[in-house]
Amino acid sequence: SLCFLCYFICLKMILLYN
């Protein structure tokens, strides 16, 4: 679902910023 995809993108961004 779209919400799951957005959550996955946010999680990847958090990992990249850390």
N, C-alpha and C. Protein backbone atom coordinates (compact mmCIF):
# COMPACT_ATOMS: atom_id res chain seq x y z
N SER A 1 0.84 -1.21 0.00
CA SER A 1 0.00 0.00 0.00
C SER A 1 0.87 1.25 0.00
N LEU A 2 0.26 2.36 -0.35
CA LEU A 2 0.99 3.63 -0.48
C LEU A 2 1.55 4.09 0.86
N CYS A 3 0.80 3.96 1.93
CA CYS A 3 1.27 4.38 3.26
C CYS A 3 2.52 3.60 3.66
N PHE A 4 2.54 2.32 3.35
CA PHE A 4 3.70 1.48 3.66
C PHE A 4 4.92 1.96 2.88
N LEU A 5 4.72 2.30 1.61
CA LEU A 5 5.81 2.80 0.78
C LEU A 5 6.37 4.10 1.34
N CYS A 6 5.52 5.02 1.75
CA CYS A 6 5.96 6.30 2.35
C CYS A 6 6.75 6.05 3.63
N TYR A 7 6.26 5.10 4.43
CA TYR A 7 6.96 4.77 5.67
C TYR A 7 8.35 4.21 5.40
N PHE A 8 8.47 3.37 4.38
CA PHE A 8 9.74 2.78 4.00
C PHE A 8 10.72 3.85 3.52
N ILE A 9 10.24 4.80 2.75
CA ILE A 9 11.07 5.91 2.27
C ILE A 9 11.55 6.76 3.45
N CYS A 10 10.65 7.07 4.37
CA CYS A 10 11.01 7.85 5.56
C CYS A 10 12.08 7.11 6.38
N LEU A 11 11.92 5.81 6.54
CA LEU A 11 12.87 5.01 7.29
C LEU A 11 14.24 5.03 6.62
N LYS A 12 14.28 4.90 5.29
CA LYS A 12 15.54 4.97 4.55
C LYS A 12 16.20 6.34 4.72
N MET A 13 15.43 7.39 4.67
CA MET A 13 15.97 8.73 4.84
C MET A 13 16.56 8.91 6.23
N ILE A 14 15.89 8.40 7.25
CA ILE A 14 16.40 8.47 8.63
C ILE A 14 17.74 7.73 8.73
N LEU A 15 17.82 6.55 8.10
CA LEU A 15 19.06 5.78 8.13
C LEU A 15 20.19 6.51 7.41
N LEU A 16 19.87 7.18 6.32
CA LEU A 16 20.89 7.93 5.58
C LEU A 16 21.38 9.15 6.35
N TYR A 17 20.47 9.80 7.05
CA TYR A 17 20.87 10.99 7.82
C TYR A 17 21.68 10.67 9.06
N ASN A 18 21.52 9.48 9.61
CA ASN A 18 22.27 9.10 10.82
C ASN A 18 23.69 8.63 10.54
